[in-house]
Amino acid sequence: MVNKMEASRTHTKGSVSLAIVVSEFNYDITKMMLEKALDHARFLDAEVRYIAHAPGVFDMPLFVKKLLEKNDVDAVVCIGAVVTGETKHDEVIAHQTARKIMDLAVEYGKPVTLGISGPGMTREQATRRIEEYSRRAVEAAVKMVKRLREIK
């Protein structure tokens, strides 16, 4: 489900408009990741226009594609935690998702950042990385948008 965020200010040419796709799987972790991402976007004076809640990390690419099609989105930030289990399922999920969202970024010419922890990560490790992964994903999106504008 995609929710239109209240516009805190008017979108101007210099500002950066973001969309965030967050996984509901491992939501005890990803909910905090989303909060940290929103805080960092405010700190960087970026506007979060949409938040999409995907059931899991593997489900993110379709939301990413739909958000990249929007004219009022400069970049998409993906937030999630892929925790290891008894099989290598976590590796399949993380690798396939990363590949697809990278392909979408190139296809649409807009940044899509990877704030997804894992694979091979325990729940404890993912919890310790909440702030780092969230902050870095938002910061990378803002930097990429600004740097891409410089080369246009």
N, C-alpha and C. Protein backbone atom coordinates (compact mmCIF):
# COMPACT_ATOMS: atom_id res chain seq x y z
N MET A 1 0.84 -1.17 0.00
CA MET A 1 0.00 0.00 0.00
C MET A 1 0.89 1.24 0.00
N VAL A 2 0.59 2.19 -0.83
CA VAL A 2 1.36 3.42 -0.92
C VAL A 2 0.55 4.54 -0.29
N ASN A 3 1.17 5.24 0.64
CA ASN A 3 0.52 6.36 1.31
C ASN A 3 1.18 7.65 0.87
N LYS A 4 0.38 8.62 0.45
CA LYS A 4 0.91 9.94 0.11
C LYS A 4 1.18 10.65 1.43
N MET A 5 2.40 11.11 1.59
CA MET A 5 2.77 11.83 2.82
C MET A 5 2.29 13.27 2.71
N GLU A 6 1.99 13.88 3.86
CA GLU A 6 1.66 15.30 3.89
C GLU A 6 2.88 16.06 3.38
N ALA A 7 2.68 16.94 2.47
CA ALA A 7 3.79 17.75 1.97
C ALA A 7 4.14 18.78 3.02
N SER A 8 5.38 18.73 3.50
CA SER A 8 5.80 19.68 4.53
C SER A 8 6.21 21.01 3.92
N ARG A 9 6.57 20.98 2.65
CA ARG A 9 6.92 22.21 1.95
C ARG A 9 6.74 21.99 0.46
N THR A 10 6.77 23.06 -0.29
CA THR A 10 6.61 22.97 -1.72
C THR A 10 7.87 22.39 -2.35
N HIS A 11 7.70 21.49 -3.31
CA HIS A 11 8.83 20.90 -4.01
C HIS A 11 9.47 21.94 -4.91
N THR A 12 10.75 22.19 -4.68
CA THR A 12 11.47 23.14 -5.52
C THR A 12 12.55 22.40 -6.28
N LYS A 13 13.10 23.07 -7.27
CA LYS A 13 14.09 22.45 -8.14
C LYS A 13 15.27 21.89 -7.36
N GLY A 14 15.72 22.56 -6.31
CA GLY A 14 16.88 22.13 -5.54
C GLY A 14 16.59 21.06 -4.51
N SER A 15 15.34 20.88 -4.16
CA SER A 15 15.02 19.90 -3.13
C SER A 15 15.00 18.49 -3.71
N VAL A 16 15.09 17.51 -2.84
CA VAL A 16 15.09 16.12 -3.24
C VAL A 16 13.84 15.45 -2.70
N SER A 17 13.09 14.82 -3.60
CA SER A 17 11.86 14.11 -3.22
C SER A 17 12.11 12.61 -3.23
N LEU A 18 11.83 11.98 -2.10
CA LEU A 18 12.09 10.56 -1.94
C LEU A 18 10.81 9.76 -1.79
N ALA A 19 10.92 8.49 -2.12
CA ALA A 19 9.91 7.50 -1.76
C ALA A 19 10.68 6.44 -0.97
N ILE A 20 10.01 5.85 -0.01
CA ILE A 20 10.63 4.78 0.78
C ILE A 20 9.77 3.53 0.64
N VAL A 21 10.43 2.41 0.34
CA VAL A 21 9.77 1.12 0.34
C VAL A 21 10.33 0.35 1.52
N VAL A 22 9.46 -0.06 2.42
CA VAL A 22 9.89 -0.74 3.65
C VAL A 22 9.23 -2.11 3.72
N SER A 23 10.00 -3.11 4.13
CA SER A 23 9.50 -4.46 4.27
C SER A 23 8.77 -4.63 5.60
N GLU A 24 7.63 -5.30 5.54
CA GLU A 24 6.90 -5.60 6.78
C GLU A 24 7.45 -6.85 7.47
N PHE A 25 8.16 -7.69 6.72
CA PHE A 25 8.76 -8.88 7.32
C PHE A 25 9.88 -8.41 8.25
N ASN A 26 9.97 -9.00 9.42
CA ASN A 26 10.89 -8.54 10.48
C ASN A 26 10.56 -7.11 10.88
N TYR A 27 9.27 -6.81 10.99
CA TYR A 27 8.81 -5.44 11.21
C TYR A 27 9.27 -4.85 12.53
N ASP A 28 9.62 -5.69 13.50
CA ASP A 28 10.17 -5.14 14.74
C ASP A 28 11.47 -4.39 14.46
N ILE A 29 12.19 -4.82 13.44
CA ILE A 29 13.43 -4.16 13.03
C ILE A 29 13.15 -3.07 12.00
N THR A 30 12.35 -3.39 10.99
CA THR A 30 12.16 -2.44 9.89
C THR A 30 11.33 -1.22 10.29
N LYS A 31 10.49 -1.35 11.29
CA LYS A 31 9.74 -0.19 11.77
C LYS A 31 10.71 0.86 12.32
N MET A 32 11.69 0.39 13.08
CA MET A 32 12.70 1.32 13.61
C MET A 32 13.58 1.86 12.49
N MET A 33 13.86 1.03 11.48
CA MET A 33 14.64 1.49 10.34
C MET A 33 13.91 2.62 9.61
N LEU A 34 12.61 2.46 9.44
CA LEU A 34 11.81 3.49 8.78
C LEU A 34 11.85 4.79 9.57
N GLU A 35 11.71 4.71 10.88
CA GLU A 35 11.77 5.92 11.72
C GLU A 35 13.11 6.63 11.57
N LYS A 36 14.20 5.87 11.57
CA LYS A 36 15.54 6.46 11.42
C LYS A 36 15.71 7.07 10.03
N ALA A 37 15.16 6.40 9.00
CA ALA A 37 15.25 6.93 7.64
C ALA A 37 14.49 8.24 7.52
N LEU A 38 13.30 8.31 8.10
CA LEU A 38 12.52 9.54 8.05
C LEU A 38 13.23 10.67 8.80
N ASP A 39 13.81 10.37 9.94
CA ASP A 39 14.56 11.37 10.70
C ASP A 39 15.73 11.90 9.87
N HIS A 40 16.44 11.02 9.21
CA HIS A 40 17.61 11.45 8.45
C HIS A 40 17.21 12.23 7.20
N ALA A 41 16.10 11.87 6.60
CA ALA A 41 15.60 12.64 5.45
C ALA A 41 15.28 14.06 5.88
N ARG A 42 14.63 14.22 7.03
CA ARG A 42 14.35 15.56 7.55
C ARG A 42 15.65 16.33 7.81
N PHE A 43 16.62 15.65 8.40
CA PHE A 43 17.91 16.27 8.69
C PHE A 43 18.57 16.78 7.41
N LEU A 44 18.44 16.02 6.32
CA LEU A 44 19.05 16.38 5.04
C LEU A 44 18.16 17.31 4.20
N ASP A 45 17.02 17.69 4.76
CA ASP A 45 16.06 18.56 4.09
C ASP A 45 15.51 17.93 2.80
N ALA A 46 15.35 16.61 2.84
CA ALA A 46 14.73 15.89 1.72
C ALA A 46 13.27 15.63 2.09
N GLU A 47 12.43 15.62 1.09
CA GLU A 47 11.00 15.41 1.32
C GLU A 47 10.63 13.97 0.99
N VAL A 48 10.04 13.27 1.95
CA VAL A 48 9.54 11.91 1.70
C VAL A 48 8.10 12.05 1.25
N ARG A 49 7.85 11.76 -0.02
CA ARG A 49 6.51 11.93 -0.59
C ARG A 49 5.66 10.67 -0.46
N TYR A 50 6.29 9.51 -0.48
CA TYR A 50 5.53 8.25 -0.42
C TYR A 50 6.26 7.26 0.48
N ILE A 51 5.46 6.45 1.16
CA ILE A 51 5.97 5.29 1.89
C ILE A 51 5.14 4.10 1.43
N ALA A 52 5.82 3.07 0.93
CA ALA A 52 5.13 1.85 0.51
C ALA A 52 5.57 0.72 1.43
N HIS A 53 4.60 -0.03 1.94
CA HIS A 53 4.87 -1.15 2.83
C HIS A 53 4.74 -2.44 2.03
N ALA A 54 5.88 -3.06 1.73
CA ALA A 54 5.90 -4.32 1.00
C ALA A 54 5.82 -5.47 2.01
N PRO A 55 5.13 -6.56 1.67
CA PRO A 55 5.08 -7.69 2.61
C PRO A 55 6.46 -8.19 3.01
N GLY A 56 7.36 -8.25 2.05
CA GLY A 56 8.72 -8.71 2.31
C GLY A 56 9.70 -8.03 1.38
N VAL A 57 10.98 -8.27 1.61
CA VAL A 57 12.02 -7.69 0.76
C VAL A 57 11.85 -8.13 -0.69
N PHE A 58 11.53 -9.40 -0.89
CA PHE A 58 11.38 -9.94 -2.25
C PHE A 58 10.27 -9.24 -3.02
N ASP A 59 9.31 -8.66 -2.32
CA ASP A 59 8.16 -7.99 -2.94
C ASP A 59 8.44 -6.53 -3.30
N MET A 60 9.56 -6.00 -2.94
CA MET A 60 9.86 -4.59 -3.13
C MET A 60 9.96 -4.12 -4.57
N PRO A 61 10.56 -4.87 -5.49
CA PRO A 61 10.78 -4.33 -6.83
C PRO A 61 9.54 -3.79 -7.54
N LEU A 62 8.39 -4.39 -7.36
CA LEU A 62 7.19 -3.87 -8.02
C LEU A 62 6.81 -2.50 -7.48
N PHE A 63 6.92 -2.31 -6.17
CA PHE A 63 6.67 -0.99 -5.58
C PHE A 63 7.71 0.01 -6.08
N VAL A 64 8.96 -0.42 -6.13
CA VAL A 64 10.03 0.46 -6.61
C VAL A 64 9.72 0.93 -8.03
N LYS A 65 9.33 0.01 -8.89
CA LYS A 65 9.01 0.34 -10.28
C LYS A 65 7.88 1.37 -10.36
N LYS A 66 6.80 1.14 -9.63
CA LYS A 66 5.65 2.06 -9.65
C LYS A 66 6.05 3.45 -9.13
N LEU A 67 6.89 3.50 -8.11
CA LEU A 67 7.31 4.78 -7.55
C LEU A 67 8.28 5.51 -8.48
N LEU A 68 9.13 4.78 -9.17
CA LEU A 68 10.06 5.40 -10.12
C LEU A 68 9.32 6.02 -11.30
N GLU A 69 8.15 5.52 -11.60
CA GLU A 69 7.34 6.06 -12.70
C GLU A 69 6.73 7.42 -12.36
N LYS A 70 6.71 7.78 -11.08
CA LYS A 70 6.10 9.04 -10.65
C LYS A 70 7.04 10.21 -10.91
N ASN A 71 6.51 11.28 -11.45
CA ASN A 71 7.30 12.48 -11.76
C ASN A 71 7.77 13.20 -10.50
N ASP A 72 7.07 13.03 -9.38
CA ASP A 72 7.44 13.74 -8.15
C ASP A 72 8.35 12.92 -7.24
N VAL A 73 8.97 11.88 -7.78
CA VAL A 73 9.92 11.07 -7.02
C VAL A 73 11.28 11.14 -7.71
N ASP A 74 12.28 11.61 -6.97
CA ASP A 74 13.64 11.69 -7.50
C ASP A 74 14.44 10.42 -7.25
N ALA A 75 14.13 9.72 -6.15
CA ALA A 75 14.87 8.51 -5.78
C ALA A 75 14.00 7.66 -4.86
N VAL A 76 14.33 6.37 -4.82
CA VAL A 76 13.61 5.43 -3.94
C VAL A 76 14.62 4.80 -2.99
N VAL A 77 14.25 4.78 -1.72
CA VAL A 77 15.06 4.18 -0.67
C VAL A 77 14.38 2.87 -0.25
N CYS A 78 15.13 1.77 -0.28
CA CYS A 78 14.59 0.47 0.14
C CYS A 78 15.12 0.14 1.53
N ILE A 79 14.20 -0.21 2.43
CA ILE A 79 14.53 -0.50 3.82
C ILE A 79 14.02 -1.90 4.16
N GLY A 80 14.92 -2.74 4.67
CA GLY A 80 14.51 -4.09 5.05
C GLY A 80 15.61 -4.81 5.81
N ALA A 81 15.25 -5.97 6.35
CA ALA A 81 16.20 -6.81 7.08
C ALA A 81 15.98 -8.26 6.66
N VAL A 82 17.01 -8.85 6.08
CA VAL A 82 16.95 -10.26 5.68
C VAL A 82 17.78 -11.04 6.68
N VAL A 83 17.10 -11.75 7.56
CA VAL A 83 17.74 -12.50 8.65
C VAL A 83 17.94 -13.94 8.21
N THR A 84 19.09 -14.48 8.51
CA THR A 84 19.42 -15.84 8.12
C THR A 84 18.58 -16.87 8.87
N GLY A 85 18.30 -17.96 8.18
CA GLY A 85 17.58 -19.07 8.79
C GLY A 85 18.39 -20.34 8.69
N GLU A 86 17.72 -21.46 8.59
CA GLU A 86 18.40 -22.75 8.53
C GLU A 86 18.85 -23.12 7.12
N THR A 87 18.36 -22.40 6.12
CA THR A 87 18.72 -22.67 4.73
C THR A 87 19.36 -21.43 4.12
N LYS A 88 19.62 -21.46 2.84
CA LYS A 88 20.21 -20.30 2.15
C LYS A 88 19.14 -19.43 1.49
N HIS A 89 17.90 -19.57 1.95
CA HIS A 89 16.79 -18.78 1.41
C HIS A 89 17.08 -17.28 1.52
N ASP A 90 17.70 -16.87 2.62
CA ASP A 90 18.02 -15.45 2.81
C ASP A 90 18.95 -14.93 1.73
N GLU A 91 19.86 -15.77 1.26
CA GLU A 91 20.78 -15.37 0.20
C GLU A 91 20.04 -15.16 -1.12
N VAL A 92 19.13 -16.06 -1.43
CA VAL A 92 18.35 -15.95 -2.66
C VAL A 92 17.53 -14.66 -2.64
N ILE A 93 16.83 -14.40 -1.54
CA ILE A 93 15.99 -13.20 -1.41
C ILE A 93 16.84 -11.94 -1.57
N ALA A 94 17.91 -11.84 -0.83
CA ALA A 94 18.72 -10.62 -0.84
C ALA A 94 19.38 -10.38 -2.20
N HIS A 95 19.95 -11.43 -2.78
CA HIS A 95 20.65 -11.27 -4.06
C HIS A 95 19.70 -10.91 -5.19
N GLN A 96 18.57 -11.59 -5.27
CA GLN A 96 17.62 -11.32 -6.35
C GLN A 96 17.00 -9.93 -6.22
N THR A 97 16.70 -9.53 -5.00
CA THR A 97 16.11 -8.20 -4.79
C THR A 97 17.12 -7.11 -5.13
N ALA A 98 18.34 -7.26 -4.66
CA ALA A 98 19.37 -6.26 -4.96
C ALA A 98 19.58 -6.13 -6.47
N ARG A 99 19.62 -7.24 -7.16
CA ARG A 99 19.83 -7.22 -8.61
C ARG A 99 18.68 -6.49 -9.32
N LYS A 100 17.46 -6.80 -8.92
CA LYS A 100 16.31 -6.21 -9.59
C LYS A 100 16.20 -4.72 -9.32
N ILE A 101 16.40 -4.29 -8.09
CA ILE A 101 16.27 -2.85 -7.82
C ILE A 101 17.40 -2.07 -8.48
N MET A 102 18.57 -2.68 -8.62
CA MET A 102 19.66 -2.03 -9.35
C MET A 102 19.29 -1.89 -10.83
N ASP A 103 18.70 -2.94 -11.39
CA ASP A 103 18.25 -2.88 -12.79
C ASP A 103 17.21 -1.77 -12.99
N LEU A 104 16.30 -1.62 -12.04
CA LEU A 104 15.27 -0.59 -12.14
C LEU A 104 15.88 0.81 -12.08
N ALA A 105 16.88 1.00 -11.24
CA ALA A 105 17.54 2.30 -11.15
C ALA A 105 18.15 2.68 -12.50
N VAL A 106 18.80 1.74 -13.13
CA VAL A 106 19.42 2.00 -14.42
C VAL A 106 18.35 2.24 -15.49
N GLU A 107 17.30 1.42 -15.46
CA GLU A 107 16.22 1.54 -16.45
C GLU A 107 15.54 2.91 -16.38
N TYR A 108 15.26 3.39 -15.18
CA TYR A 108 14.53 4.65 -15.01
C TYR A 108 15.44 5.87 -14.85
N GLY A 109 16.73 5.66 -14.70
CA GLY A 109 17.64 6.77 -14.55
C GLY A 109 17.47 7.53 -13.25
N LYS A 110 16.98 6.84 -12.24
CA LYS A 110 16.79 7.44 -10.92
C LYS A 110 17.42 6.52 -9.88
N PRO A 111 18.02 7.09 -8.84
CA PRO A 111 18.65 6.27 -7.81
C PRO A 111 17.66 5.41 -7.03
N VAL A 112 18.07 4.19 -6.75
CA VAL A 112 17.36 3.29 -5.84
C VAL A 112 18.43 2.78 -4.88
N THR A 113 18.28 3.08 -3.60
CA THR A 113 19.32 2.72 -2.66
C THR A 113 18.94 1.51 -1.83
N LEU A 114 19.98 0.82 -1.38
CA LEU A 114 19.84 -0.47 -0.71
C LEU A 114 20.09 -0.33 0.78
N GLY A 115 19.02 -0.10 1.53
CA GLY A 115 19.08 -0.06 2.98
C GLY A 115 18.55 -1.37 3.53
N ILE A 116 19.01 -2.47 2.95
CA ILE A 116 18.54 -3.80 3.33
C ILE A 116 19.72 -4.54 3.95
N SER A 117 19.60 -4.87 5.23
CA SER A 117 20.67 -5.62 5.90
C SER A 117 20.52 -7.10 5.59
N GLY A 118 21.64 -7.80 5.55
CA GLY A 118 21.64 -9.22 5.22
C GLY A 118 22.12 -9.42 3.80
N PRO A 119 22.26 -10.64 3.38
CA PRO A 119 21.94 -11.92 4.04
C PRO A 119 23.05 -12.34 5.01
N GLY A 120 22.85 -13.51 5.60
CA GLY A 120 23.82 -14.06 6.53
C GLY A 120 23.90 -13.30 7.84
N MET A 121 22.84 -12.63 8.19
CA MET A 121 22.82 -11.78 9.36
C MET A 121 21.84 -12.34 10.39
N THR A 122 22.25 -12.34 11.64
CA THR A 122 21.35 -12.76 12.71
C THR A 122 20.42 -11.60 13.05
N ARG A 123 19.37 -11.89 13.78
CA ARG A 123 18.44 -10.85 14.23
C ARG A 123 19.19 -9.81 15.08
N GLU A 124 20.09 -10.27 15.92
CA GLU A 124 20.87 -9.37 16.76
C GLU A 124 21.75 -8.44 15.92
N GLN A 125 22.40 -9.00 14.91
CA GLN A 125 23.23 -8.18 14.02
C GLN A 125 22.39 -7.16 13.26
N ALA A 126 21.23 -7.59 12.80
CA ALA A 126 20.34 -6.67 12.07
C ALA A 126 19.87 -5.54 12.98
N THR A 127 19.59 -5.85 14.21
CA THR A 127 19.16 -4.84 15.18
C THR A 127 20.26 -3.81 15.42
N ARG A 128 21.50 -4.28 15.52
CA ARG A 128 22.63 -3.36 15.74
C ARG A 128 22.86 -2.44 14.54
N ARG A 129 22.39 -2.82 13.37
CA ARG A 129 22.65 -2.06 12.15
C ARG A 129 21.46 -1.19 11.71
N ILE A 130 20.44 -1.09 12.53
CA ILE A 130 19.22 -0.35 12.17
C ILE A 130 19.56 1.07 11.72
N GLU A 131 20.24 1.82 12.55
CA GLU A 131 20.50 3.22 12.24
C GLU A 131 21.46 3.36 11.06
N GLU A 132 22.51 2.57 11.06
CA GLU A 132 23.53 2.68 10.01
C GLU A 132 22.95 2.43 8.61
N TYR A 133 22.22 1.36 8.44
CA TYR A 133 21.68 1.03 7.12
C TYR A 133 20.62 2.04 6.68
N SER A 134 19.80 2.48 7.60
CA SER A 134 18.75 3.45 7.27
C SER A 134 19.34 4.79 6.87
N ARG A 135 20.24 5.27 7.67
CA ARG A 135 20.87 6.57 7.42
C ARG A 135 21.65 6.56 6.11
N ARG A 136 22.44 5.53 5.91
CA ARG A 136 23.26 5.45 4.69
C ARG A 136 22.40 5.38 3.43
N ALA A 137 21.30 4.66 3.48
CA ALA A 137 20.43 4.54 2.30
C ALA A 137 19.82 5.88 1.92
N VAL A 138 19.36 6.63 2.92
CA VAL A 138 18.78 7.95 2.65
C VAL A 138 19.86 8.90 2.16
N GLU A 139 21.00 8.89 2.81
CA GLU A 139 22.08 9.79 2.42
C GLU A 139 22.56 9.49 1.01
N ALA A 140 22.68 8.23 0.65
CA ALA A 140 23.11 7.86 -0.70
C ALA A 140 22.09 8.35 -1.73
N ALA A 141 20.81 8.22 -1.44
CA ALA A 141 19.77 8.67 -2.37
C ALA A 141 19.88 10.17 -2.62
N VAL A 142 20.02 10.94 -1.55
CA VAL A 142 20.11 12.40 -1.67
C VAL A 142 21.37 12.78 -2.44
N LYS A 143 22.51 12.17 -2.11
CA LYS A 143 23.76 12.48 -2.81
C LYS A 143 23.67 12.13 -4.29
N MET A 144 23.10 10.98 -4.60
CA MET A 144 22.99 10.56 -6.00
C MET A 144 22.13 11.52 -6.80
N VAL A 145 20.99 11.93 -6.25
CA VAL A 145 20.12 12.87 -6.96
C VAL A 145 20.88 14.16 -7.24
N LYS A 146 21.52 14.71 -6.25
CA LYS A 146 22.25 15.97 -6.41
C LYS A 146 23.40 15.83 -7.41
N ARG A 147 24.10 14.74 -7.36
CA ARG A 147 25.24 14.56 -8.27
C ARG A 147 24.78 14.28 -9.70
N LEU A 148 23.68 13.59 -9.85
CA LEU A 148 23.13 13.38 -11.19
C LEU A 148 22.65 14.69 -11.80
N ARG A 149 22.10 15.57 -10.98
CA ARG A 149 21.68 16.89 -11.47
C ARG A 149 22.87 17.70 -11.95
N GLU A 150 24.01 17.53 -11.31
CA GLU A 150 25.22 18.27 -11.70
C GLU A 150 25.71 17.88 -13.10
N ILE A 151 25.48 16.64 -13.51
CA ILE A 151 26.01 16.21 -14.81
C ILE A 151 25.00 16.34 -15.94
N LYS A 152 23.80 16.82 -15.64
CA LYS A 152 22.79 17.01 -16.69
C LYS A 152 23.09 18.22 -17.53
